[in-house]
């Protein structure tokens, strides 16, 4: 993590390019310390990723799933404290999400006031595929997207690219990648939130092209408003369009436990503040860190890469309400925000 003072701005750069700027505990601590310092001393904060590929591809889930539990807990605790602090930030917070922005990278950006996507942005919350859930405040921001779009994105891990990231409401602005250095320079000369907003408006003209999911929004709202995961699948089967079949094929690969936990998380999060959500998500994270599905998902998708995870339980029917509820129970050392 590189923290620099440039003009009126504190600039935080994630610089772990070989890992697509994925964050580990040490980096989370450095980002938090730099942001806190700049909140006092500078007029705004800009956060960005080094290199041309990624803003931040997520958290280091390998370390979380294969390392000691205490380390996993420390990571989630610090990461969620950072997520909450970004929403509560007292100065303009601008995330330049020029590249891959997934999982933990979404948590570093989506809770800030300004998020600038480019044609290189690739957004996803792909956690259900590895036996986790859309954390870092996914329970807060997903249900606040239009209709059931957030439930769809959270359960399927669907990837949004470029302008669609802004059209979905995940980013607030869209700017061509080539203009980002110029935008950044202009931002460092801003001294008020009004200046920041005006500068972004100047560099980020609105466009009228259609959102990639526009033609499916009615189907998403219909299918993903099912009361249970099983009902969502049933509605997709009834829909039977090519889109619905493709969506079903994708969901069939996900951890059944993760899907049910995530569904409940997103439903509950709709009526919670971000800090309340993160307290809930810390419970879920600690439970998942001790569950076989996360280890197995990381093994199948990230370590051995055979893409053949053996989920336990293997079917939705076998994931009982009691099992799901056990993930949500308070912990002796709950997160305090």
C-alpha atoms as a PDB file:
ATOM      1  CA  UNK A   1       0.000   0.000   0.000  1.00  0.00           C
ATOM      2  CA  UNK A   2       1.420   3.364  -1.037  1.00  0.00           C
ATOM      3  CA  UNK A   3       0.057   6.448   0.733  1.00  0.00           C
ATOM      4  CA  UNK A   4       0.995   9.844  -0.706  1.00  0.00           C
ATOM      5  CA  UNK A   5      -0.052  13.443  -0.264  1.00  0.00           C
ATOM      6  CA  UNK A   6      -0.663  15.013  -3.670  1.00  0.00           C
ATOM      7  CA  UNK A   7      -1.997  18.567  -3.690  1.00  0.00           C
ATOM      8  CA  UNK A   8      -5.135  18.660  -1.563  1.00  0.00           C
ATOM      9  CA  UNK A   9      -5.613  14.893  -1.713  1.00  0.00           C
ATOM     10  CA  UNK A  10      -4.387  11.865   0.148  1.00  0.00           C
ATOM     11  CA  UNK A  11      -3.821   9.169  -2.489  1.00  0.00           C
ATOM     12  CA  UNK A  12      -3.873   5.503  -1.452  1.00  0.00           C
ATOM     13  CA  UNK A  13      -2.581   3.014  -4.034  1.00  0.00           C
ATOM     14  CA  UNK A  14      -3.004  -0.751  -3.680  1.00  0.00           C
ATOM     15  CA  UNK A  15       0.221  -2.129  -5.084  1.00  0.00           C
ATOM     16  CA  UNK A  16       0.249  -5.908  -5.113  1.00  0.00           C
ATOM     17  CA  UNK A  17      -0.010  -6.352  -8.843  1.00  0.00           C
ATOM     18  CA  UNK A  18       0.929 -10.045  -9.025  1.00  0.00           C
ATOM     19  CA  UNK A  19      -2.124 -10.799  -6.860  1.00  0.00           C
ATOM     20  CA  UNK A  20      -4.308  -8.295  -8.777  1.00  0.00           C
ATOM     21  CA  UNK A  21      -4.038  -6.007  -5.731  1.00  0.00           C
ATOM     22  CA  UNK A  22      -5.923  -8.474  -3.517  1.00  0.00           C
ATOM     23  CA  UNK A  23      -5.833  -7.332   0.099  1.00  0.00           C
ATOM     24  CA  UNK A  24      -4.473  -9.156   3.136  1.00  0.00           C
ATOM     25  CA  UNK A  25      -4.572  -8.210   6.826  1.00  0.00           C
ATOM     26  CA  UNK A  26      -1.420  -6.100   6.667  1.00  0.00           C
ATOM     27  CA  UNK A  27      -2.783  -4.099   3.709  1.00  0.00           C
ATOM     28  CA  UNK A  28      -6.158  -3.574   5.400  1.00  0.00           C
ATOM     29  CA  UNK A  29      -4.360  -2.110   8.421  1.00  0.00           C
ATOM     30  CA  UNK A  30      -2.263   0.169   6.215  1.00  0.00           C
ATOM     31  CA  UNK A  31      -5.283   1.416   4.231  1.00  0.00           C
ATOM     32  CA  UNK A  32      -7.170   2.123   7.457  1.00  0.00           C
ATOM     33  CA  UNK A  33      -4.254   4.033   9.004  1.00  0.00           C
ATOM     34  CA  UNK A  34      -3.648   6.089   5.845  1.00  0.00           C
ATOM     35  CA  UNK A  35      -7.339   6.933   5.406  1.00  0.00           C
ATOM     36  CA  UNK A  36      -7.654   8.003   9.054  1.00  0.00           C
ATOM     37  CA  UNK A  37      -4.594  10.234   8.751  1.00  0.00           C
ATOM     38  CA  UNK A  38      -5.782  11.820   5.494  1.00  0.00           C
ATOM     39  CA  UNK A  39      -9.285  12.342   6.897  1.00  0.00           C
ATOM     40  CA  UNK A  40      -7.690  14.793   9.354  1.00  0.00           C
ATOM     41  CA  UNK A  41      -5.047  16.404   7.148  1.00  0.00           C
ATOM     42  CA  UNK A  42      -6.346  16.473   3.546  1.00  0.00           C
ATOM     43  CA  UNK A  43      -9.450  17.710   1.702  1.00  0.00           C
ATOM     44  CA  UNK A  44     -10.236  14.388   0.018  1.00  0.00           C
ATOM     45  CA  UNK A  45      -9.018  10.815  -0.369  1.00  0.00           C
ATOM     46  CA  UNK A  46      -8.450   8.994  -3.663  1.00  0.00           C
ATOM     47  CA  UNK A  47      -8.007   5.212  -3.635  1.00  0.00           C
ATOM     48  CA  UNK A  48      -6.808   3.302  -6.704  1.00  0.00           C
ATOM     49  CA  UNK A  49      -5.033   0.129  -7.822  1.00  0.00           C
ATOM     50  CA  UNK A  50      -1.553  -0.060  -9.325  1.00  0.00           C
ATOM     51  CA  UNK A  51      -1.104  -1.472 -12.839  1.00  0.00           C
ATOM     52  CA  UNK A  52      -3.589  -1.781 -15.667  1.00  0.00           C
ATOM     53  CA  UNK A  53      -5.457  -4.928 -14.664  1.00  0.00           C
ATOM     54  CA  UNK A  54      -7.104  -4.428 -11.315  1.00  0.00           C
ATOM     55  CA  UNK A  55      -8.362  -2.012  -8.719  1.00  0.00           C
ATOM     56  CA  UNK A  56      -8.604  -4.884  -6.215  1.00  0.00           C
ATOM     57  CA  UNK A  57      -9.578  -8.473  -7.008  1.00  0.00           C
ATOM     58  CA  UNK A  58     -10.765  -9.171  -3.464  1.00  0.00           C
ATOM     59  CA  UNK A  59      -9.542 -10.430  -0.125  1.00  0.00           C
ATOM     60  CA  UNK A  60      -6.930 -13.126   0.272  1.00  0.00           C
ATOM     61  CA  UNK A  61      -9.427 -15.990   0.665  1.00  0.00           C
ATOM     62  CA  UNK A  62      -6.742 -18.635   0.399  1.00  0.00           C
ATOM     63  CA  UNK A  63      -5.115 -17.369   3.587  1.00  0.00           C
ATOM     64  CA  UNK A  64      -8.514 -17.082   5.260  1.00  0.00           C
ATOM     65  CA  UNK A  65      -9.628 -20.616   4.407  1.00  0.00           C
ATOM     66  CA  UNK A  66      -6.340 -22.474   4.887  1.00  0.00           C
ATOM     67  CA  UNK A  67      -4.664 -20.410   7.620  1.00  0.00           C
ATOM     68  CA  UNK A  68      -5.338 -20.427  11.378  1.00  0.00           C
ATOM     69  CA  UNK A  69      -8.866 -19.405  12.410  1.00  0.00           C
ATOM     70  CA  UNK A  70      -7.566 -16.561  14.592  1.00  0.00           C
ATOM     71  CA  UNK A  71      -5.903 -14.982  11.551  1.00  0.00           C
ATOM     72  CA  UNK A  72      -9.083 -15.308   9.485  1.00  0.00           C
ATOM     73  CA  UNK A  73     -11.033 -13.640  12.288  1.00  0.00           C
ATOM     74  CA  UNK A  74      -8.515 -10.808  12.541  1.00  0.00           C
ATOM     75  CA  UNK A  75      -8.715 -10.260   8.781  1.00  0.00           C
ATOM     76  CA  UNK A  76     -12.521 -10.109   8.650  1.00  0.00           C
ATOM     77  CA  UNK A  77     -12.690  -7.944  11.779  1.00  0.00           C
ATOM     78  CA  UNK A  78     -10.242  -5.344  10.448  1.00  0.00           C
ATOM     79  CA  UNK A  79     -11.672  -5.463   6.930  1.00  0.00           C
ATOM     80  CA  UNK A  80     -15.227  -4.832   8.125  1.00  0.00           C
ATOM     81  CA  UNK A  81     -14.098  -2.021  10.458  1.00  0.00           C
ATOM     82  CA  UNK A  82     -12.477  -0.456   7.375  1.00  0.00           C
ATOM     83  CA  UNK A  83     -15.669  -0.935   5.303  1.00  0.00           C
ATOM     84  CA  UNK A  84     -17.726   0.851   7.982  1.00  0.00           C
ATOM     85  CA  UNK A  85     -15.198   3.689   8.253  1.00  0.00           C
ATOM     86  CA  UNK A  86     -15.420   4.332   4.494  1.00  0.00           C
ATOM     87  CA  UNK A  87     -19.164   4.955   4.714  1.00  0.00           C
ATOM     88  CA  UNK A  88     -18.651   7.234   7.750  1.00  0.00           C
ATOM     89  CA  UNK A  89     -15.734   9.102   6.109  1.00  0.00           C
ATOM     90  CA  UNK A  90     -15.932  12.843   6.765  1.00  0.00           C
ATOM     91  CA  UNK A  91     -14.127  14.000   3.600  1.00  0.00           C
ATOM     92  CA  UNK A  92     -14.926  13.157  -0.037  1.00  0.00           C
ATOM     93  CA  UNK A  93     -13.767   9.592  -0.762  1.00  0.00           C
ATOM     94  CA  UNK A  94     -13.135   8.798  -4.432  1.00  0.00           C
ATOM     95  CA  UNK A  95     -12.474   5.226  -5.589  1.00  0.00           C
ATOM     96  CA  UNK A  96     -11.033   4.917  -9.100  1.00  0.00           C
ATOM     97  CA  UNK A  97     -12.152   1.376  -9.934  1.00  0.00           C
ATOM     98  CA  UNK A  98     -10.248   1.125 -13.217  1.00  0.00           C
ATOM     99  CA  UNK A  99      -9.988  -2.670 -13.623  1.00  0.00           C
ATOM    100  CA  UNK A 100     -11.065  -5.820 -11.766  1.00  0.00           C
ATOM    101  CA  UNK A 101     -13.135  -4.914  -8.692  1.00  0.00           C
ATOM    102  CA  UNK A 102     -14.474  -7.948  -6.856  1.00  0.00           C
ATOM    103  CA  UNK A 103     -15.347  -8.985  -3.304  1.00  0.00           C
ATOM    104  CA  UNK A 104     -13.046  -7.102  -0.940  1.00  0.00           C
ATOM    105  CA  UNK A 105     -12.324  -4.578  -3.704  1.00  0.00           C
ATOM    106  CA  UNK A 106     -16.023  -3.761  -3.845  1.00  0.00           C
ATOM    107  CA  UNK A 107     -15.923  -3.230  -0.065  1.00  0.00           C
ATOM    108  CA  UNK A 108     -13.141  -0.646  -0.486  1.00  0.00           C
ATOM    109  CA  UNK A 109     -15.162   1.344  -3.016  1.00  0.00           C
ATOM    110  CA  UNK A 110     -18.932   0.885  -2.905  1.00  0.00           C
ATOM    111  CA  UNK A 111     -19.387   2.406   0.570  1.00  0.00           C
ATOM    112  CA  UNK A 112     -17.562   5.596  -0.457  1.00  0.00           C
ATOM    113  CA  UNK A 113     -19.353   8.637  -1.844  1.00  0.00           C
ATOM    114  CA  UNK A 114     -17.785   8.524  -5.324  1.00  0.00           C
ATOM    115  CA  UNK A 115     -16.881   5.450  -7.414  1.00  0.00           C
ATOM    116  CA  UNK A 116     -15.545   5.942 -10.920  1.00  0.00           C
ATOM    117  CA  UNK A 117     -15.753   2.996 -13.335  1.00  0.00           C
ATOM    118  CA  UNK A 118     -13.963   2.787 -16.709  1.00  0.00           C
ATOM    119  CA  UNK A 119     -14.205   0.496 -19.742  1.00  0.00           C
ATOM    120  CA  UNK A 120     -11.707  -1.777 -17.920  1.00  0.00           C
ATOM    121  CA  UNK A 121     -13.859  -2.218 -14.816  1.00  0.00           C
ATOM    122  CA  UNK A 122     -15.016  -5.777 -14.135  1.00  0.00           C
ATOM    123  CA  UNK A 123     -17.310  -6.050 -11.113  1.00  0.00           C
ATOM    124  CA  UNK A 124     -18.552  -9.191  -9.377  1.00  0.00           C
ATOM    125  CA  UNK A 125     -19.480 -10.580  -5.982  1.00  0.00           C
ATOM    126  CA  UNK A 126     -18.477 -14.193  -6.794  1.00  0.00           C
ATOM    127  CA  UNK A 127     -18.455 -15.604  -3.254  1.00  0.00           C
ATOM    128  CA  UNK A 128     -21.206 -18.240  -3.518  1.00  0.00           C
ATOM    129  CA  UNK A 129     -18.973 -20.093  -6.012  1.00  0.00           C
ATOM    130  CA  UNK A 130     -16.288 -20.649  -3.350  1.00  0.00           C
ATOM    131  CA  UNK A 131     -18.543 -21.449  -0.407  1.00  0.00           C
ATOM    132  CA  UNK A 132     -18.610 -17.956   1.054  1.00  0.00           C
ATOM    133  CA  UNK A 133     -21.251 -15.164   0.889  1.00  0.00           C
ATOM    134  CA  UNK A 134     -21.195 -11.613  -0.550  1.00  0.00           C
ATOM    135  CA  UNK A 135     -19.552  -9.970   2.440  1.00  0.00           C
ATOM    136  CA  UNK A 136     -17.825  -6.565   2.957  1.00  0.00           C
ATOM    137  CA  UNK A 137     -21.289  -5.035   3.326  1.00  0.00           C
ATOM    138  CA  UNK A 138     -22.934  -6.903   0.451  1.00  0.00           C
ATOM    139  CA  UNK A 139     -25.920  -7.376   2.733  1.00  0.00           C
ATOM    140  CA  UNK A 140     -26.232  -3.594   2.774  1.00  0.00           C
ATOM    141  CA  UNK A 141     -25.539  -2.446  -0.779  1.00  0.00           C
ATOM    142  CA  UNK A 142     -27.027  -5.358  -2.757  1.00  0.00           C
ATOM    143  CA  UNK A 143     -30.652  -5.004  -1.551  1.00  0.00           C
ATOM    144  CA  UNK A 144     -30.403  -1.255  -2.210  1.00  0.00           C
ATOM    145  CA  UNK A 145     -29.847  -1.718  -5.950  1.00  0.00           C
ATOM    146  CA  UNK A 146     -33.012  -1.491  -8.067  1.00  0.00           C
ATOM    147  CA  UNK A 147     -35.603  -4.248  -7.709  1.00  0.00           C
ATOM    148  CA  UNK A 148     -34.035  -7.665  -7.129  1.00  0.00           C
ATOM    149  CA  UNK A 149     -30.855  -6.861  -9.069  1.00  0.00           C
ATOM    150  CA  UNK A 150     -28.763  -7.175  -5.891  1.00  0.00           C
ATOM    151  CA  UNK A 151     -30.175 -10.595  -5.022  1.00  0.00           C
ATOM    152  CA  UNK A 152     -29.389 -11.702  -8.583  1.00  0.00           C
ATOM    153  CA  UNK A 153     -25.817 -10.355  -8.472  1.00  0.00           C
ATOM    154  CA  UNK A 154     -25.192 -11.773  -4.984  1.00  0.00           C
ATOM    155  CA  UNK A 155     -26.416 -15.304  -5.688  1.00  0.00           C
ATOM    156  CA  UNK A 156     -25.098 -15.721  -9.239  1.00  0.00           C
ATOM    157  CA  UNK A 157     -21.812 -13.785  -9.071  1.00  0.00           C
ATOM    158  CA  UNK A 158     -22.797 -12.266 -12.439  1.00  0.00           C
ATOM    159  CA  UNK A 159     -20.056 -10.009 -13.836  1.00  0.00           C
ATOM    160  CA  UNK A 160     -20.754  -6.442 -14.871  1.00  0.00           C
ATOM    161  CA  UNK A 161     -18.345  -4.598 -17.139  1.00  0.00           C
ATOM    162  CA  UNK A 162     -17.572  -0.958 -17.860  1.00  0.00           C
ATOM    163  CA  UNK A 163     -20.553   1.373 -18.173  1.00  0.00           C
ATOM    164  CA  UNK A 164     -22.881  -1.299 -16.801  1.00  0.00           C
ATOM    165  CA  UNK A 165     -21.180  -1.008 -13.400  1.00  0.00           C
ATOM    166  CA  UNK A 166     -22.377   2.604 -13.232  1.00  0.00           C
ATOM    167  CA  UNK A 167     -25.778   1.799 -14.733  1.00  0.00           C
ATOM    168  CA  UNK A 168     -26.328  -0.867 -12.052  1.00  0.00           C
ATOM    169  CA  UNK A 169     -25.633   1.715  -9.342  1.00  0.00           C
ATOM    170  CA  UNK A 170     -22.407   0.075  -8.132  1.00  0.00           C
ATOM    171  CA  UNK A 171     -20.360   3.001  -9.507  1.00  0.00           C
ATOM    172  CA  UNK A 172     -21.514   6.618  -9.386  1.00  0.00           C
ATOM    173  CA  UNK A 173     -19.592   7.784 -12.486  1.00  0.00           C
ATOM    174  CA  UNK A 174     -18.043   6.452 -15.694  1.00  0.00           C
ATOM    175  CA  UNK A 175     -14.907   7.861 -17.305  1.00  0.00           C
ATOM    176  CA  UNK A 176     -12.684   6.598 -20.128  1.00  0.00           C
ATOM    177  CA  UNK A 177      -9.588   4.933 -18.705  1.00  0.00           C
ATOM    178  CA  UNK A 178      -7.287   7.176 -20.768  1.00  0.00           C
ATOM    179  CA  UNK A 179      -8.662  10.234 -18.950  1.00  0.00           C
ATOM    180  CA  UNK A 180      -8.198   8.853 -15.430  1.00  0.00           C
ATOM    181  CA  UNK A 181      -4.709  10.401 -14.864  1.00  0.00           C
ATOM    182  CA  UNK A 182      -6.083  13.789 -15.929  1.00  0.00           C
ATOM    183  CA  UNK A 183      -9.152  13.326 -13.709  1.00  0.00           C
ATOM    184  CA  UNK A 184      -6.953  12.358 -10.780  1.00  0.00           C
ATOM    185  CA  UNK A 185      -4.804  15.448 -11.251  1.00  0.00           C
ATOM    186  CA  UNK A 186      -7.906  17.669 -11.352  1.00  0.00           C
ATOM    187  CA  UNK A 187      -9.243  16.015  -8.195  1.00  0.00           C
ATOM    188  CA  UNK A 188      -6.038  16.763  -6.273  1.00  0.00           C
ATOM    189  CA  UNK A 189      -6.779  20.471  -6.813  1.00  0.00           C
ATOM    190  CA  UNK A 190     -10.271  20.219  -5.282  1.00  0.00           C
ATOM    191  CA  UNK A 191     -10.841  21.587  -1.809  1.00  0.00           C
ATOM    192  CA  UNK A 192     -14.561  20.970  -1.182  1.00  0.00           C
ATOM    193  CA  UNK A 193     -17.114  18.265  -1.871  1.00  0.00           C
ATOM    194  CA  UNK A 194     -18.749  20.647  -4.356  1.00  0.00           C
ATOM    195  CA  UNK A 195     -15.447  20.904  -6.257  1.00  0.00           C
ATOM    196  CA  UNK A 196     -15.143  17.109  -6.345  1.00  0.00           C
ATOM    197  CA  UNK A 197     -18.709  16.676  -7.630  1.00  0.00           C
ATOM    198  CA  UNK A 198     -18.206  19.343 -10.310  1.00  0.00           C
ATOM    199  CA  UNK A 199     -14.879  17.851 -11.434  1.00  0.00           C
ATOM    200  CA  UNK A 200     -16.392  14.376 -11.722  1.00  0.00           C
ATOM    201  CA  UNK A 201     -19.366  15.763 -13.663  1.00  0.00           C
ATOM    202  CA  UNK A 202     -16.972  17.437 -16.096  1.00  0.00           C
ATOM    203  CA  UNK A 203     -14.937  14.279 -16.777  1.00  0.00           C
ATOM    204  CA  UNK A 204     -17.804  11.787 -16.629  1.00  0.00           C
ATOM    205  CA  UNK A 205     -20.567  12.664 -19.087  1.00  0.00           C
ATOM    206  CA  UNK A 206     -23.759  10.623 -18.714  1.00  0.00           C
ATOM    207  CA  UNK A 207     -24.577   8.419 -21.678  1.00  0.00           C
ATOM    208  CA  UNK A 208     -27.828   6.950 -22.931  1.00  0.00           C
ATOM    209  CA  UNK A 209     -26.759   3.434 -23.936  1.00  0.00           C
ATOM    210  CA  UNK A 210     -28.859   0.628 -22.513  1.00  0.00           C
ATOM    211  CA  UNK A 211     -27.975  -1.298 -19.334  1.00  0.00           C
ATOM    212  CA  UNK A 212     -26.964  -4.845 -20.333  1.00  0.00           C
ATOM    213  CA  UNK A 213     -29.546  -6.380 -17.968  1.00  0.00           C
ATOM    214  CA  UNK A 214     -32.391  -4.008 -18.922  1.00  0.00           C
ATOM    215  CA  UNK A 215     -34.188  -6.613 -20.981  1.00  0.00           C
ATOM    216  CA  UNK A 216     -34.006  -9.076 -18.056  1.00  0.00           C
ATOM    217  CA  UNK A 217     -34.890  -6.778 -15.147  1.00  0.00           C
ATOM    218  CA  UNK A 218     -38.557  -7.829 -15.117  1.00  0.00           C
ATOM    219  CA  UNK A 219     -37.502 -11.503 -15.075  1.00  0.00           C
ATOM    220  CA  UNK A 220     -34.924 -10.827 -12.358  1.00  0.00           C
ATOM    221  CA  UNK A 221     -37.571  -9.098 -10.226  1.00  0.00           C
ATOM    222  CA  UNK A 222     -40.066 -11.911 -10.795  1.00  0.00           C
ATOM    223  CA  UNK A 223     -37.701 -14.853 -10.257  1.00  0.00           C
ATOM    224  CA  UNK A 224     -35.431 -13.452  -7.538  1.00  0.00           C
ATOM    225  CA  UNK A 225     -38.294 -12.282  -5.342  1.00  0.00           C
ATOM    226  CA  UNK A 226     -38.985 -15.937  -4.511  1.00  0.00           C
ATOM    227  CA  UNK A 227     -39.265 -16.443  -0.738  1.00  0.00           C
ATOM    228  CA  UNK A 228     -36.632 -19.211  -0.710  1.00  0.00           C
ATOM    229  CA  UNK A 229     -33.713 -20.244  -2.906  1.00  0.00           C
ATOM    230  CA  UNK A 230     -35.779 -23.253  -4.000  1.00  0.00           C
ATOM    231  CA  UNK A 231     -38.585 -20.940  -5.063  1.00  0.00           C
ATOM    232  CA  UNK A 232     -36.167 -18.753  -7.030  1.00  0.00           C
ATOM    233  CA  UNK A 233     -35.008 -21.868  -8.928  1.00  0.00           C
ATOM    234  CA  UNK A 234     -38.616 -22.969  -9.457  1.00  0.00           C
ATOM    235  CA  UNK A 235     -39.502 -19.571 -10.958  1.00  0.00           C
ATOM    236  CA  UNK A 236     -36.449 -19.701 -13.225  1.00  0.00           C
ATOM    237  CA  UNK A 237     -37.493 -23.182 -14.405  1.00  0.00           C
ATOM    238  CA  UNK A 238     -41.011 -21.908 -15.117  1.00  0.00           C
ATOM    239  CA  UNK A 239     -39.598 -18.908 -17.006  1.00  0.00           C
ATOM    240  CA  UNK A 240     -37.622 -21.366 -19.163  1.00  0.00           C
ATOM    241  CA  UNK A 241     -36.110 -18.656 -21.404  1.00  0.00           C
ATOM    242  CA  UNK A 242     -32.531 -19.042 -22.584  1.00  0.00           C
ATOM    243  CA  UNK A 243     -31.539 -16.451 -19.968  1.00  0.00           C
ATOM    244  CA  UNK A 244     -33.302 -18.388 -17.191  1.00  0.00           C
ATOM    245  CA  UNK A 245     -31.683 -21.676 -18.245  1.00  0.00           C
ATOM    246  CA  UNK A 246     -28.244 -20.078 -18.260  1.00  0.00           C
ATOM    247  CA  UNK A 247     -28.899 -18.581 -14.829  1.00  0.00           C
ATOM    248  CA  UNK A 248     -30.011 -21.984 -13.506  1.00  0.00           C
ATOM    249  CA  UNK A 249     -26.842 -23.623 -14.866  1.00  0.00           C
ATOM    250  CA  UNK A 250     -24.756 -21.037 -13.040  1.00  0.00           C
ATOM    251  CA  UNK A 251     -26.622 -21.436  -9.750  1.00  0.00           C
ATOM    252  CA  UNK A 252     -26.296 -25.234  -9.938  1.00  0.00           C
ATOM    253  CA  UNK A 253     -22.513 -24.838  -9.447  1.00  0.00           C
ATOM    254  CA  UNK A 254     -22.799 -22.768  -6.272  1.00  0.00           C
ATOM    255  CA  UNK A 255     -22.528 -23.993  -2.685  1.00  0.00           C
ATOM    256  CA  UNK A 256     -26.092 -24.794  -1.525  1.00  0.00           C
ATOM    257  CA  UNK A 257     -25.244 -23.592   1.994  1.00  0.00           C
ATOM    258  CA  UNK A 258     -23.756 -20.359   0.652  1.00  0.00           C
ATOM    259  CA  UNK A 259     -26.824 -19.669  -1.472  1.00  0.00           C
ATOM    260  CA  UNK A 260     -29.205 -20.077   1.455  1.00  0.00           C
ATOM    261  CA  UNK A 261     -27.039 -18.056   3.847  1.00  0.00           C
ATOM    262  CA  UNK A 262     -26.598 -15.301   1.228  1.00  0.00           C
ATOM    263  CA  UNK A 263     -30.330 -15.135   0.485  1.00  0.00           C
ATOM    264  CA  UNK A 264     -31.098 -14.638   4.174  1.00  0.00           C
ATOM    265  CA  UNK A 265     -28.234 -12.139   4.573  1.00  0.00           C
ATOM    266  CA  UNK A 266     -29.474  -9.962   1.686  1.00  0.00           C
ATOM    267  CA  UNK A 267     -33.101 -10.166   2.890  1.00  0.00           C
ATOM    268  CA  UNK A 268     -32.135  -9.129   6.430  1.00  0.00           C
ATOM    269  CA  UNK A 269     -29.682  -6.480   5.259  1.00  0.00           C
ATOM    270  CA  UNK A 270     -32.427  -4.573   3.434  1.00  0.00           C
ATOM    271  CA  UNK A 271     -33.603  -3.280   6.834  1.00  0.00           C
ATOM    272  CA  UNK A 272     -30.220  -2.795   8.516  1.00  0.00           C
ATOM    273  CA  UNK A 273     -27.656  -0.019   8.695  1.00  0.00           C
ATOM    274  CA  UNK A 274     -24.211  -0.819   7.272  1.00  0.00           C
ATOM    275  CA  UNK A 275     -22.676  -1.304  10.768  1.00  0.00           C
ATOM    276  CA  UNK A 276     -25.522  -3.680  11.712  1.00  0.00           C
ATOM    277  CA  UNK A 277     -24.940  -5.568   8.476  1.00  0.00           C
ATOM    278  CA  UNK A 278     -21.225  -5.901   9.122  1.00  0.00           C
ATOM    279  CA  UNK A 279     -21.844  -7.235  12.644  1.00  0.00           C
ATOM    280  CA  UNK A 280     -24.081  -9.894  11.045  1.00  0.00           C
ATOM    281  CA  UNK A 281     -21.531 -10.576   8.293  1.00  0.00           C
ATOM    282  CA  UNK A 282     -18.714 -11.020  10.818  1.00  0.00           C
ATOM    283  CA  UNK A 283     -20.758 -13.837  12.396  1.00  0.00           C
ATOM    284  CA  UNK A 284     -21.289 -15.374   8.957  1.00  0.00           C
ATOM    285  CA  UNK A 285     -17.604 -15.011   8.038  1.00  0.00           C
ATOM    286  CA  UNK A 286     -16.380 -16.688  11.225  1.00  0.00           C
ATOM    287  CA  UNK A 287     -18.856 -19.554  10.712  1.00  0.00           C
ATOM    288  CA  UNK A 288     -17.871 -19.996   7.056  1.00  0.00           C
ATOM    289  CA  UNK A 289     -14.167 -19.964   7.972  1.00  0.00           C
ATOM    290  CA  UNK A 290     -14.884 -23.083  10.042  1.00  0.00           C
ATOM    291  CA  UNK A 291     -17.124 -24.751   7.455  1.00  0.00           C
ATOM    292  CA  UNK A 292     -15.892 -27.343   4.945  1.00  0.00           C
ATOM    293  CA  UNK A 293     -17.539 -25.653   1.936  1.00  0.00           C
ATOM    294  CA  UNK A 294     -15.183 -22.650   1.974  1.00  0.00           C
ATOM    295  CA  UNK A 295     -12.047 -24.823   2.068  1.00  0.00           C
ATOM    296  CA  UNK A 296     -13.487 -27.016  -0.666  1.00  0.00           C
ATOM    297  CA  UNK A 297     -14.555 -24.082  -2.837  1.00  0.00           C
ATOM    298  CA  UNK A 298     -11.147 -22.427  -2.558  1.00  0.00           C
ATOM    299  CA  UNK A 299      -9.494 -25.763  -3.352  1.00  0.00           C
ATOM    300  CA  UNK A 300     -11.655 -26.415  -6.422  1.00  0.00           C
ATOM    301  CA  UNK A 301     -11.649 -22.900  -7.882  1.00  0.00           C
ATOM    302  CA  UNK A 302      -8.384 -21.335  -6.733  1.00  0.00           C
ATOM    303  CA  UNK A 303      -5.898 -24.055  -5.723  1.00  0.00           C
ATOM    304  CA  UNK A 304      -6.377 -27.242  -7.790  1.00  0.00           C
ATOM    305  CA  UNK A 305      -8.623 -25.408 -10.282  1.00  0.00           C
ATOM    306  CA  UNK A 306     -10.529 -28.573 -11.214  1.00  0.00           C
ATOM    307  CA  UNK A 307     -13.797 -26.604 -10.825  1.00  0.00           C
ATOM    308  CA  UNK A 308     -15.438 -29.681  -9.300  1.00  0.00           C
ATOM    309  CA  UNK A 309     -16.255 -28.720  -5.710  1.00  0.00           C
ATOM    310  CA  UNK A 310     -17.891 -31.409  -3.568  1.00  0.00           C
ATOM    311  CA  UNK A 311     -20.288 -29.381  -1.454  1.00  0.00           C
ATOM    312  CA  UNK A 312     -21.490 -30.638   1.919  1.00  0.00           C
ATOM    313  CA  UNK A 313     -24.471 -30.854   2.097  1.00  0.00           C
ATOM    314  CA  UNK A 314     -24.575 -31.372  -1.685  1.00  0.00           C
ATOM    315  CA  UNK A 315     -28.193 -30.293  -2.262  1.00  0.00           C
ATOM    316  CA  UNK A 316     -30.380 -27.354  -1.241  1.00  0.00           C
ATOM    317  CA  UNK A 317     -32.939 -29.758   0.241  1.00  0.00           C
ATOM    318  CA  UNK A 318     -30.346 -30.979   2.744  1.00  0.00           C
ATOM    319  CA  UNK A 319     -29.448 -27.460   3.898  1.00  0.00           C
ATOM    320  CA  UNK A 320     -31.955 -27.151   6.741  1.00  0.00           C
ATOM    321  CA  UNK A 321     -33.234 -23.894   8.208  1.00  0.00           C
ATOM    322  CA  UNK A 322     -31.452 -24.885  11.438  1.00  0.00           C
ATOM    323  CA  UNK A 323     -28.153 -25.111   9.576  1.00  0.00           C
ATOM    324  CA  UNK A 324     -28.684 -21.714   7.948  1.00  0.00           C
ATOM    325  CA  UNK A 325     -29.760 -20.089  11.230  1.00  0.00           C
ATOM    326  CA  UNK A 326     -26.670 -21.424  13.025  1.00  0.00           C
ATOM    327  CA  UNK A 327     -24.476 -19.152  10.864  1.00  0.00           C
ATOM    328  CA  UNK A 328     -26.358 -16.061  12.102  1.00  0.00           C
ATOM    329  CA  UNK A 329     -26.154 -16.716  15.861  1.00  0.00           C
ATOM    330  CA  UNK A 330     -24.205 -14.191  17.974  1.00  0.00           C
ATOM    331  CA  UNK A 331     -20.550 -14.937  18.740  1.00  0.00           C
ATOM    332  CA  UNK A 332     -18.856 -14.668  22.134  1.00  0.00           C
ATOM    333  CA  UNK A 333     -16.548 -12.093  20.518  1.00  0.00           C
ATOM    334  CA  UNK A 334     -18.989 -10.283  18.220  1.00  0.00           C
ATOM    335  CA  UNK A 335     -17.725  -7.417  16.075  1.00  0.00           C
ATOM    336  CA  UNK A 336     -18.238  -4.060  17.814  1.00  0.00           C
ATOM    337  CA  UNK A 337     -18.783  -1.085  15.515  1.00  0.00           C
END
